[in-house]
Each structure stands twice: as structure tokens, then as C-alpha cells.
Amino acid sequence: TMRFHASFQPDVLTALSRLFLPALERFGKTAKILLTPTHWHVILDTDDTTGPWAVLSLAANAVFSTYTLEARHKSSIGLSVDLAMLTRTLKMIGANPMGAPNSITVRLAKRPRPGAENATMDGMPSMNPPTQ
């Protein structure tokens, strides 16, 4: 089971959704995110970009005021995400008038890798956005 729950620091959502992530989108559409107990990394490698390799690494306590991460593998979660979707999601969190302000809970599910022979065992965590 992989779980991630966090509340963002004030003004971080604005900086991420209006400055950092749109800048990374200019290099590529897909990024890999690595969540660790101490850091939040957004990585665009040469497979994901039209140009150079790019990394955004931030200390978890600089981004989040509360931060809960549960994972089997060294308390780290790695996933691929569409940068435009992530930017839209962060904008919606910041504009959410209901519930905890600036709060996010992410449910993750293992999805088979393309071409994986054993799809039930081999997969990469992916975000499951709530359906409307």
C-alpha cells in the first residue's frame, strides 16, 4: 500500500503551479516524481524531454506543513505524471473553498508497464485522480 497525504506551505502552490511546473513543461510533457521522507523531486530525464535533463528538488518541510508518506520500498514513492495534469491539480487544490485548505491526499495504484510479461506483479505507481 502506498499513501501520501500533505498540506502545502502557504504560497507554495502558487509558486509551483504558476512558475516552476510551467517552466518544466517547456522541456517535456511527462515527469517522474520521487517522494521521500525528506524531499520532493520532479525529474525530467532525456526520455521525457526535448532538451536537457531537468530536476526540481525541494525539501519536504519547505513544501509541506504536514507530510505523511507510507510505502514499502524505503519509504519512497516514484511515479510518472503528466505535468499539465499536475499543474491543473495544484491550481485546483489552491482554489478549493471546501475542506482543508491546501491539502492533498493521493491514492496510488500499480499499473502494468507497457510490454510487461507479468502485468499483475510488474508495475509502476500511478496517480488515480478522483472521478467527477
C-alpha atoms as a PDB file:
ATOM      1  CA  THR A   1       0.000   0.000   0.000  1.00  0.00           C
ATOM      2  CA  MET A   2       1.221   3.445  -0.886  1.00  0.00           C
ATOM      3  CA  ARG A   3      -0.280   6.543   0.689  1.00  0.00           C
ATOM      4  CA  PHE A   4       0.588  10.179   0.536  1.00  0.00           C
ATOM      5  CA  HIS A   5      -1.157  12.984   2.412  1.00  0.00           C
ATOM      6  CA  ALA A   6       0.146  16.515   2.735  1.00  0.00           C
ATOM      7  CA  SER A   7      -0.794  20.109   3.376  1.00  0.00           C
ATOM      8  CA  PHE A   8       1.181  22.669   1.408  1.00  0.00           C
ATOM      9  CA  GLN A   9       3.005  25.606   2.973  1.00  0.00           C
ATOM     10  CA  PRO A  10       1.380  28.995   2.245  1.00  0.00           C
ATOM     11  CA  ASP A  11       2.235  30.379  -1.220  1.00  0.00           C
ATOM     12  CA  VAL A  12       3.960  27.150  -2.353  1.00  0.00           C
ATOM     13  CA  LEU A  13       1.022  26.086  -4.536  1.00  0.00           C
ATOM     14  CA  THR A  14       1.134  29.400  -6.390  1.00  0.00           C
ATOM     15  CA  ALA A  15       4.883  29.158  -6.948  1.00  0.00           C
ATOM     16  CA  LEU A  16       4.669  25.567  -8.164  1.00  0.00           C
ATOM     17  CA  SER A  17       1.604  25.952 -10.403  1.00  0.00           C
ATOM     18  CA  ARG A  18       2.497  29.343 -11.904  1.00  0.00           C
ATOM     19  CA  LEU A  19       6.295  29.324 -12.028  1.00  0.00           C
ATOM     20  CA  PHE A  20       8.193  26.067 -11.588  1.00  0.00           C
ATOM     21  CA  LEU A  21       5.960  23.466 -13.261  1.00  0.00           C
ATOM     22  CA  PRO A  22       5.102  25.596 -16.331  1.00  0.00           C
ATOM     23  CA  ALA A  23       8.841  26.193 -16.775  1.00  0.00           C
ATOM     24  CA  LEU A  24       9.469  22.432 -16.672  1.00  0.00           C
ATOM     25  CA  GLU A  25       6.588  21.863 -19.150  1.00  0.00           C
ATOM     26  CA  ARG A  26       8.606  23.742 -21.757  1.00  0.00           C
ATOM     27  CA  PHE A  27      11.128  20.895 -21.718  1.00  0.00           C
ATOM     28  CA  GLY A  28       8.710  17.965 -21.725  1.00  0.00           C
ATOM     29  CA  LYS A  29       5.187  16.774 -21.061  1.00  0.00           C
ATOM     30  CA  THR A  30       5.873  13.926 -18.627  1.00  0.00           C
ATOM     31  CA  ALA A  31       7.914  13.909 -15.437  1.00  0.00           C
ATOM     32  CA  LYS A  32       8.892  11.394 -12.831  1.00  0.00           C
ATOM     33  CA  ILE A  33       8.141  12.317  -9.249  1.00  0.00           C
ATOM     34  CA  LEU A  34      10.053  10.826  -6.346  1.00  0.00           C
ATOM     35  CA  LEU A  35       8.592  11.345  -2.890  1.00  0.00           C
ATOM     36  CA  THR A  36      10.919  10.512   0.000  1.00  0.00           C
ATOM     37  CA  PRO A  37      10.557  11.167   3.728  1.00  0.00           C
ATOM     38  CA  THR A  38      12.751  14.272   3.392  1.00  0.00           C
ATOM     39  CA  HIS A  39      12.441  15.506  -0.225  1.00  0.00           C
ATOM     40  CA  TRP A  40      10.110  16.006  -3.181  1.00  0.00           C
ATOM     41  CA  HIS A  41      11.817  15.578  -6.575  1.00  0.00           C
ATOM     42  CA  VAL A  42      10.383  16.329 -10.036  1.00  0.00           C
ATOM     43  CA  ILE A  43      12.650  14.784 -12.689  1.00  0.00           C
ATOM     44  CA  LEU A  44      12.628  15.137 -16.473  1.00  0.00           C
ATOM     45  CA  ASP A  45      15.196  12.800 -17.974  1.00  0.00           C
ATOM     46  CA  THR A  46      16.296  12.616 -21.590  1.00  0.00           C
ATOM     47  CA  ASP A  47      13.467  10.150 -22.354  1.00  0.00           C
ATOM     48  CA  ASP A  48      10.888  12.739 -21.239  1.00  0.00           C
ATOM     49  CA  THR A  49      12.341  15.952 -22.633  1.00  0.00           C
ATOM     50  CA  THR A  50      13.031  17.584 -25.949  1.00  0.00           C
ATOM     51  CA  GLY A  51      16.129  19.145 -24.478  1.00  0.00           C
ATOM     52  CA  PRO A  52      18.323  18.859 -21.387  1.00  0.00           C
ATOM     53  CA  TRP A  53      17.808  16.785 -18.276  1.00  0.00           C
ATOM     54  CA  ALA A  54      15.950  18.813 -15.589  1.00  0.00           C
ATOM     55  CA  VAL A  55      15.422  18.267 -11.858  1.00  0.00           C
ATOM     56  CA  LEU A  56      13.433  20.227  -9.286  1.00  0.00           C
ATOM     57  CA  SER A  57      14.323  19.079  -5.757  1.00  0.00           C
ATOM     58  CA  LEU A  58      12.730  20.638  -2.706  1.00  0.00           C
ATOM     59  CA  ALA A  59      12.946  19.771   0.972  1.00  0.00           C
ATOM     60  CA  ALA A  60       9.643  18.291   2.121  1.00  0.00           C
ATOM     61  CA  ASN A  61       9.386  20.713   5.059  1.00  0.00           C
ATOM     62  CA  ALA A  62       9.821  23.678   2.690  1.00  0.00           C
ATOM     63  CA  VAL A  63       6.910  22.495   0.508  1.00  0.00           C
ATOM     64  CA  PHE A  64       4.573  20.859   3.031  1.00  0.00           C
ATOM     65  CA  SER A  65       3.436  21.894   6.509  1.00  0.00           C
ATOM     66  CA  THR A  66       2.211  18.334   7.192  1.00  0.00           C
ATOM     67  CA  TYR A  67       3.525  15.345   5.287  1.00  0.00           C
ATOM     68  CA  THR A  68       2.645  11.649   5.614  1.00  0.00           C
ATOM     69  CA  LEU A  69       4.241   9.083   3.342  1.00  0.00           C
ATOM     70  CA  GLU A  70       3.721   5.322   3.570  1.00  0.00           C
ATOM     71  CA  ALA A  71       5.433   2.953   1.158  1.00  0.00           C
ATOM     72  CA  ARG A  72       7.017  -0.477   1.204  1.00  0.00           C
ATOM     73  CA  HIS A  73      10.218   0.401  -0.623  1.00  0.00           C
ATOM     74  CA  LYS A  74      12.475   2.507   1.613  1.00  0.00           C
ATOM     75  CA  SER A  75       9.555   4.843   2.402  1.00  0.00           C
ATOM     76  CA  SER A  76       9.805   6.264  -1.117  1.00  0.00           C
ATOM     77  CA  ILE A  77       7.227   6.540  -3.864  1.00  0.00           C
ATOM     78  CA  GLY A  78       8.153   7.020  -7.517  1.00  0.00           C
ATOM     79  CA  LEU A  79       5.608   7.716 -10.231  1.00  0.00           C
ATOM     80  CA  SER A  80       5.184   9.213 -13.679  1.00  0.00           C
ATOM     81  CA  VAL A  81       2.851  12.150 -14.116  1.00  0.00           C
ATOM     82  CA  ASP A  82       1.681  14.433 -16.891  1.00  0.00           C
ATOM     83  CA  LEU A  83       2.988  17.903 -15.975  1.00  0.00           C
ATOM     84  CA  ALA A  84      -0.092  19.711 -17.315  1.00  0.00           C
ATOM     85  CA  MET A  85      -2.327  17.478 -15.148  1.00  0.00           C
ATOM     86  CA  LEU A  86      -0.152  18.082 -12.087  1.00  0.00           C
ATOM     87  CA  THR A  87      -0.235  21.847 -12.668  1.00  0.00           C
ATOM     88  CA  ARG A  88      -4.049  21.833 -13.019  1.00  0.00           C
ATOM     89  CA  THR A  89      -4.387  19.665  -9.898  1.00  0.00           C
ATOM     90  CA  LEU A  90      -2.255  22.027  -7.817  1.00  0.00           C
ATOM     91  CA  LYS A  91      -4.237  25.033  -9.063  1.00  0.00           C
ATOM     92  CA  MET A  92      -7.500  23.302  -8.057  1.00  0.00           C
ATOM     93  CA  ILE A  93      -6.128  22.500  -4.600  1.00  0.00           C
ATOM     94  CA  GLY A  94      -5.255  26.150  -4.080  1.00  0.00           C
ATOM     95  CA  ALA A  95      -8.728  27.257  -5.197  1.00  0.00           C
ATOM     96  CA  ASN A  96     -10.617  24.654  -3.129  1.00  0.00           C
ATOM     97  CA  PRO A  97     -13.064  26.537  -0.887  1.00  0.00           C
ATOM     98  CA  MET A  98     -14.126  23.352   0.928  1.00  0.00           C
ATOM     99  CA  GLY A  99     -12.198  21.036   3.208  1.00  0.00           C
ATOM    100  CA  ALA A 100      -8.687  21.587   4.460  1.00  0.00           C
ATOM    101  CA  PRO A 101      -7.012  24.447   2.621  1.00  0.00           C
ATOM    102  CA  ASN A 102      -4.008  23.493   0.522  1.00  0.00           C
ATOM    103  CA  SER A 103      -4.430  19.819   1.417  1.00  0.00           C
ATOM    104  CA  ILE A 104      -3.991  16.813  -0.876  1.00  0.00           C
ATOM    105  CA  THR A 105      -4.421  13.077  -0.483  1.00  0.00           C
ATOM    106  CA  VAL A 106      -3.120  10.929  -3.327  1.00  0.00           C
ATOM    107  CA  ARG A 107      -4.167   7.330  -3.871  1.00  0.00           C
ATOM    108  CA  LEU A 108      -1.675   5.329  -5.842  1.00  0.00           C
ATOM    109  CA  ALA A 109      -2.178   2.086  -7.728  1.00  0.00           C
ATOM    110  CA  LYS A 110       0.276  -0.143  -9.537  1.00  0.00           C
ATOM    111  CA  ARG A 111      -0.242  -0.156 -13.284  1.00  0.00           C
ATOM    112  CA  PRO A 112       1.406  -2.600 -15.672  1.00  0.00           C
ATOM    113  CA  ARG A 113       4.355  -1.298 -17.597  1.00  0.00           C
ATOM    114  CA  PRO A 114       3.897  -1.377 -21.360  1.00  0.00           C
ATOM    115  CA  GLY A 115       5.160  -4.737 -22.601  1.00  0.00           C
ATOM    116  CA  ALA A 116       5.456  -6.266 -19.119  1.00  0.00           C
ATOM    117  CA  GLU A 117       5.068 -10.042 -19.272  1.00  0.00           C
ATOM    118  CA  ASN A 118       3.612 -10.398 -15.780  1.00  0.00           C
ATOM    119  CA  ALA A 119       1.244  -7.428 -15.539  1.00  0.00           C
ATOM    120  CA  THR A 120      -0.004  -8.367 -12.072  1.00  0.00           C
ATOM    121  CA  MET A 121       3.411  -8.198 -10.450  1.00  0.00           C
ATOM    122  CA  ASP A 122       5.356  -5.717 -12.549  1.00  0.00           C
ATOM    123  CA  GLY A 123       4.123  -2.154 -12.464  1.00  0.00           C
ATOM    124  CA  MET A 124       4.824   1.425 -11.625  1.00  0.00           C
ATOM    125  CA  PRO A 125       2.776   3.514  -9.193  1.00  0.00           C
ATOM    126  CA  SER A 126       0.471   5.976 -10.904  1.00  0.00           C
ATOM    127  CA  MET A 127      -1.896   8.630  -9.642  1.00  0.00           C
ATOM    128  CA  ASN A 128      -5.593   7.857  -9.686  1.00  0.00           C
ATOM    129  CA  PRO A 129      -7.367  11.215  -9.861  1.00  0.00           C
ATOM    130  CA  PRO A 130     -10.890  11.184  -8.424  1.00  0.00           C
ATOM    131  CA  THR A 131     -13.644  10.885 -10.998  1.00  0.00           C
ATOM    132  CA  GLN A 132     -16.279  13.584 -11.228  1.00  0.00           C
END
